[in-house]
C-alpha cells in the first residue's frame, strides 16, 4: 500500500482502498476505493493550493489533497488547462 493509499484509508476508514492508477491527464496518482475514486494532489505539487480551494467533498490529509472524481478532480484538471 502506498503512503497515499494508507493516508486515504486512515481518513476514510469505512471505505476500503481497492488500488491506484496514474491519471493520464496529470500524471498524478488516482486512488480507487470500494465506493469512489480520488485524484491525489501531493502537498509538494505547485498546484496544491488550487486543489485545496476546490476540495469540498474530498479529503485534506497531511500528505496530500484527495479530490473526488465526479466534480473536484475535473475542476482541478480544467483549472490547470489539462482538459
N, C-alpha and C. Protein backbone atom coordinates (compact mmCIF):
# COMPACT_ATOMS: atom_id res chain seq x y z
N UNK A 1 0.85 -1.18 0.00
CA UNK A 1 0.00 0.00 0.00
C UNK A 1 0.90 1.24 0.00
N UNK A 2 0.62 2.20 -0.90
CA UNK A 2 1.41 3.43 -0.95
C UNK A 2 1.09 4.31 0.25
N UNK A 3 1.93 5.30 0.48
CA UNK A 3 1.69 6.23 1.59
C UNK A 3 0.38 6.99 1.39
N UNK A 4 0.03 7.29 0.14
CA UNK A 4 -1.22 8.00 -0.14
C UNK A 4 -2.42 7.07 0.09
N UNK A 5 -2.30 5.83 -0.34
CA UNK A 5 -3.38 4.87 -0.09
C UNK A 5 -3.60 4.70 1.40
N UNK A 6 -2.52 4.62 2.16
CA UNK A 6 -2.64 4.46 3.61
C UNK A 6 -3.28 5.68 4.25
N UNK A 7 -2.87 6.88 3.82
CA UNK A 7 -3.46 8.08 4.39
C UNK A 7 -4.96 8.15 4.07
N UNK A 8 -5.33 7.85 2.82
CA UNK A 8 -6.75 7.87 2.47
C UNK A 8 -7.52 6.83 3.26
N UNK A 9 -6.94 5.65 3.46
CA UNK A 9 -7.59 4.61 4.26
C UNK A 9 -7.79 5.10 5.70
N UNK A 10 -6.82 5.84 6.22
CA UNK A 10 -6.95 6.39 7.57
C UNK A 10 -8.01 7.48 7.64
N UNK A 11 -8.12 8.28 6.57
CA UNK A 11 -9.11 9.36 6.53
C UNK A 11 -10.51 8.83 6.28
N UNK A 12 -10.60 7.73 5.54
CA UNK A 12 -11.88 7.17 5.11
C UNK A 12 -11.98 5.72 5.59
N UNK A 13 -12.02 5.55 6.88
CA UNK A 13 -11.92 4.22 7.48
C UNK A 13 -13.06 3.29 7.09
N UNK A 14 -14.19 3.81 6.66
CA UNK A 14 -15.35 2.99 6.30
C UNK A 14 -15.32 2.49 4.85
N UNK A 15 -14.32 2.89 4.08
CA UNK A 15 -14.28 2.57 2.65
C UNK A 15 -12.92 1.99 2.28
N UNK A 16 -12.87 0.75 1.88
CA UNK A 16 -11.62 0.05 1.61
C UNK A 16 -10.97 0.50 0.30
N UNK A 17 -9.67 0.76 0.34
CA UNK A 17 -8.90 1.12 -0.85
C UNK A 17 -8.76 -0.11 -1.73
N UNK A 18 -9.07 0.04 -3.01
CA UNK A 18 -9.01 -1.06 -3.97
C UNK A 18 -7.74 -1.04 -4.81
N UNK A 19 -7.18 0.15 -5.05
CA UNK A 19 -5.98 0.23 -5.87
C UNK A 19 -5.67 1.65 -6.33
N UNK A 20 -4.58 1.76 -7.08
CA UNK A 20 -4.10 3.05 -7.57
C UNK A 20 -3.75 2.95 -9.05
N UNK A 21 -4.06 4.00 -9.78
CA UNK A 21 -3.63 4.15 -11.18
C UNK A 21 -2.99 5.51 -11.30
N UNK A 22 -2.46 5.79 -12.47
CA UNK A 22 -1.91 7.12 -12.75
C UNK A 22 -2.89 7.85 -13.65
N UNK A 23 -3.23 9.07 -13.29
CA UNK A 23 -4.13 9.88 -14.10
C UNK A 23 -3.44 10.23 -15.42
N UNK A 24 -4.07 9.91 -16.52
CA UNK A 24 -3.44 10.13 -17.84
C UNK A 24 -3.29 11.61 -18.18
N UNK A 25 -4.08 12.47 -17.57
CA UNK A 25 -4.01 13.90 -17.86
C UNK A 25 -2.93 14.62 -17.06
N UNK A 26 -2.76 14.23 -15.81
CA UNK A 26 -1.86 14.96 -14.92
C UNK A 26 -0.64 14.16 -14.48
N UNK A 27 -0.68 12.85 -14.61
CA UNK A 27 0.41 12.01 -14.11
C UNK A 27 0.35 11.79 -12.61
N UNK A 28 -0.70 12.30 -11.97
CA UNK A 28 -0.85 12.14 -10.53
C UNK A 28 -1.51 10.80 -10.20
N UNK A 29 -1.31 10.32 -8.98
CA UNK A 29 -1.98 9.08 -8.57
C UNK A 29 -3.50 9.28 -8.51
N UNK A 30 -4.22 8.23 -8.84
CA UNK A 30 -5.67 8.20 -8.71
C UNK A 30 -6.01 6.95 -7.92
N UNK A 31 -6.63 7.13 -6.76
CA UNK A 31 -6.93 6.01 -5.86
C UNK A 31 -8.40 5.63 -5.97
N UNK A 32 -8.63 4.32 -6.13
CA UNK A 32 -9.98 3.78 -6.13
C UNK A 32 -10.29 3.16 -4.78
N UNK A 33 -11.46 3.48 -4.26
CA UNK A 33 -11.94 2.80 -3.06
C UNK A 33 -13.14 1.96 -3.47
N UNK A 34 -13.71 1.25 -2.53
CA UNK A 34 -14.88 0.43 -2.83
C UNK A 34 -16.06 1.28 -3.32
N UNK A 35 -16.10 2.56 -2.92
CA UNK A 35 -17.24 3.38 -3.29
C UNK A 35 -16.95 4.60 -4.14
N UNK A 36 -15.68 4.96 -4.31
CA UNK A 36 -15.38 6.22 -5.01
C UNK A 36 -13.95 6.23 -5.50
N UNK A 37 -13.58 7.31 -6.19
CA UNK A 37 -12.21 7.49 -6.65
C UNK A 37 -11.73 8.89 -6.32
N UNK A 38 -10.42 9.03 -6.14
CA UNK A 38 -9.84 10.30 -5.72
C UNK A 38 -8.55 10.59 -6.46
N UNK A 39 -8.42 11.80 -6.98
CA UNK A 39 -7.18 12.27 -7.57
C UNK A 39 -6.32 12.80 -6.43
N UNK A 40 -5.09 12.34 -6.35
CA UNK A 40 -4.19 12.71 -5.26
C UNK A 40 -3.29 13.86 -5.71
N UNK A 41 -3.38 14.99 -5.01
CA UNK A 41 -2.51 16.13 -5.29
C UNK A 41 -1.60 16.31 -4.07
N UNK A 42 -0.34 15.89 -4.19
CA UNK A 42 0.60 15.99 -3.06
C UNK A 42 0.86 17.44 -2.65
N UNK A 43 1.16 17.64 -1.37
CA UNK A 43 1.49 18.97 -0.87
C UNK A 43 2.71 19.56 -1.56
N UNK A 44 3.56 18.71 -2.11
CA UNK A 44 4.77 19.17 -2.79
C UNK A 44 4.51 19.72 -4.18
N UNK A 45 3.31 19.51 -4.69
CA UNK A 45 2.94 19.96 -6.04
C UNK A 45 2.67 21.46 -6.04
N UNK A 46 3.15 22.18 -7.04
CA UNK A 46 2.94 23.63 -7.12
C UNK A 46 1.46 24.00 -7.13
N UNK A 47 0.63 23.16 -7.69
CA UNK A 47 -0.80 23.44 -7.81
C UNK A 47 -1.60 22.94 -6.61
N UNK A 48 -0.93 22.61 -5.52
CA UNK A 48 -1.63 22.11 -4.32
C UNK A 48 -2.66 23.12 -3.81
N UNK A 49 -2.34 24.42 -3.83
CA UNK A 49 -3.27 25.44 -3.34
C UNK A 49 -4.56 25.46 -4.16
N UNK A 50 -4.45 25.20 -5.45
CA UNK A 50 -5.64 25.11 -6.30
C UNK A 50 -6.51 23.95 -5.82
N UNK A 51 -5.89 22.81 -5.55
CA UNK A 51 -6.62 21.63 -5.09
C UNK A 51 -7.32 21.89 -3.77
N UNK A 52 -6.65 22.54 -2.84
CA UNK A 52 -7.24 22.82 -1.53
C UNK A 52 -8.47 23.69 -1.66
N UNK A 53 -8.41 24.68 -2.54
CA UNK A 53 -9.56 25.57 -2.73
C UNK A 53 -10.76 24.83 -3.31
N UNK A 54 -10.51 23.81 -4.13
CA UNK A 54 -11.60 23.06 -4.77
C UNK A 54 -12.13 21.92 -3.90
N UNK A 55 -11.41 21.56 -2.87
CA UNK A 55 -11.74 20.37 -2.08
C UNK A 55 -12.84 20.65 -1.06
N UNK A 56 -14.06 20.25 -1.41
CA UNK A 56 -15.21 20.37 -0.50
C UNK A 56 -15.78 19.00 -0.13
N UNK A 57 -15.67 18.04 -1.02
CA UNK A 57 -16.22 16.70 -0.80
C UNK A 57 -15.13 15.66 -0.57
N UNK A 58 -13.93 15.94 -1.05
CA UNK A 58 -12.80 15.03 -0.88
C UNK A 58 -12.21 15.17 0.51
N UNK A 59 -10.92 14.93 0.60
CA UNK A 59 -10.24 14.94 1.89
C UNK A 59 -8.94 15.71 1.80
N UNK A 60 -8.62 16.42 2.89
CA UNK A 60 -7.35 17.12 3.03
C UNK A 60 -6.56 16.37 4.08
N UNK A 61 -5.47 15.75 3.65
CA UNK A 61 -4.65 14.98 4.56
C UNK A 61 -3.34 15.70 4.87
N UNK A 62 -2.48 15.02 5.60
CA UNK A 62 -1.17 15.58 5.93
C UNK A 62 -0.22 15.52 4.74
N UNK A 63 -0.40 14.53 3.86
CA UNK A 63 0.49 14.34 2.71
C UNK A 63 -0.03 14.98 1.43
N UNK A 64 -1.37 15.03 1.29
CA UNK A 64 -1.96 15.42 0.01
C UNK A 64 -3.41 15.84 0.18
N UNK A 65 -3.94 16.37 -0.90
CA UNK A 65 -5.36 16.67 -1.01
C UNK A 65 -5.96 15.60 -1.92
N UNK A 66 -7.08 15.01 -1.53
CA UNK A 66 -7.71 13.91 -2.27
C UNK A 66 -9.01 14.44 -2.88
N UNK A 67 -8.97 14.73 -4.17
CA UNK A 67 -10.11 15.33 -4.87
C UNK A 67 -11.02 14.25 -5.39
N UNK A 68 -12.32 14.33 -5.05
CA UNK A 68 -13.26 13.30 -5.50
C UNK A 68 -13.42 13.36 -7.01
N UNK A 69 -13.70 12.21 -7.59
CA UNK A 69 -13.65 12.02 -9.04
C UNK A 69 -14.75 12.72 -9.83
N UNK A 70 -15.91 12.97 -9.24
CA UNK A 70 -17.05 13.47 -10.00
C UNK A 70 -16.99 14.96 -10.32
N UNK A 71 -16.61 15.76 -9.34
CA UNK A 71 -16.60 17.21 -9.56
C UNK A 71 -15.24 17.85 -9.35
N UNK A 72 -14.61 17.56 -8.21
CA UNK A 72 -13.38 18.26 -7.86
C UNK A 72 -12.21 17.94 -8.78
N UNK A 73 -12.00 16.68 -9.09
CA UNK A 73 -10.87 16.30 -9.95
C UNK A 73 -10.99 16.94 -11.34
N UNK A 74 -12.17 16.87 -12.00
CA UNK A 74 -12.28 17.54 -13.31
C UNK A 74 -12.10 19.06 -13.22
N UNK A 75 -12.61 19.68 -12.15
CA UNK A 75 -12.43 21.12 -11.98
C UNK A 75 -10.95 21.46 -11.83
N UNK A 76 -10.22 20.65 -11.10
CA UNK A 76 -8.79 20.85 -10.91
C UNK A 76 -8.06 20.73 -12.24
N UNK A 77 -8.36 19.70 -13.01
CA UNK A 77 -7.71 19.50 -14.30
C UNK A 77 -8.04 20.62 -15.27
N UNK A 78 -9.27 21.12 -15.24
CA UNK A 78 -9.65 22.28 -16.08
C UNK A 78 -8.92 23.53 -15.65
N UNK A 79 -8.80 23.74 -14.33
CA UNK A 79 -8.11 24.93 -13.82
C UNK A 79 -6.65 24.97 -14.26
N UNK A 80 -6.06 23.80 -14.42
CA UNK A 80 -4.66 23.71 -14.87
C UNK A 80 -4.53 23.66 -16.39
N UNK A 81 -5.67 23.65 -17.10
CA UNK A 81 -5.65 23.60 -18.55
C UNK A 81 -5.28 22.24 -19.12
N UNK A 82 -5.49 21.19 -18.33
CA UNK A 82 -5.13 19.83 -18.77
C UNK A 82 -6.27 19.12 -19.51
N UNK A 83 -7.48 19.61 -19.32
CA UNK A 83 -8.63 19.06 -20.08
C UNK A 83 -9.50 20.21 -20.53
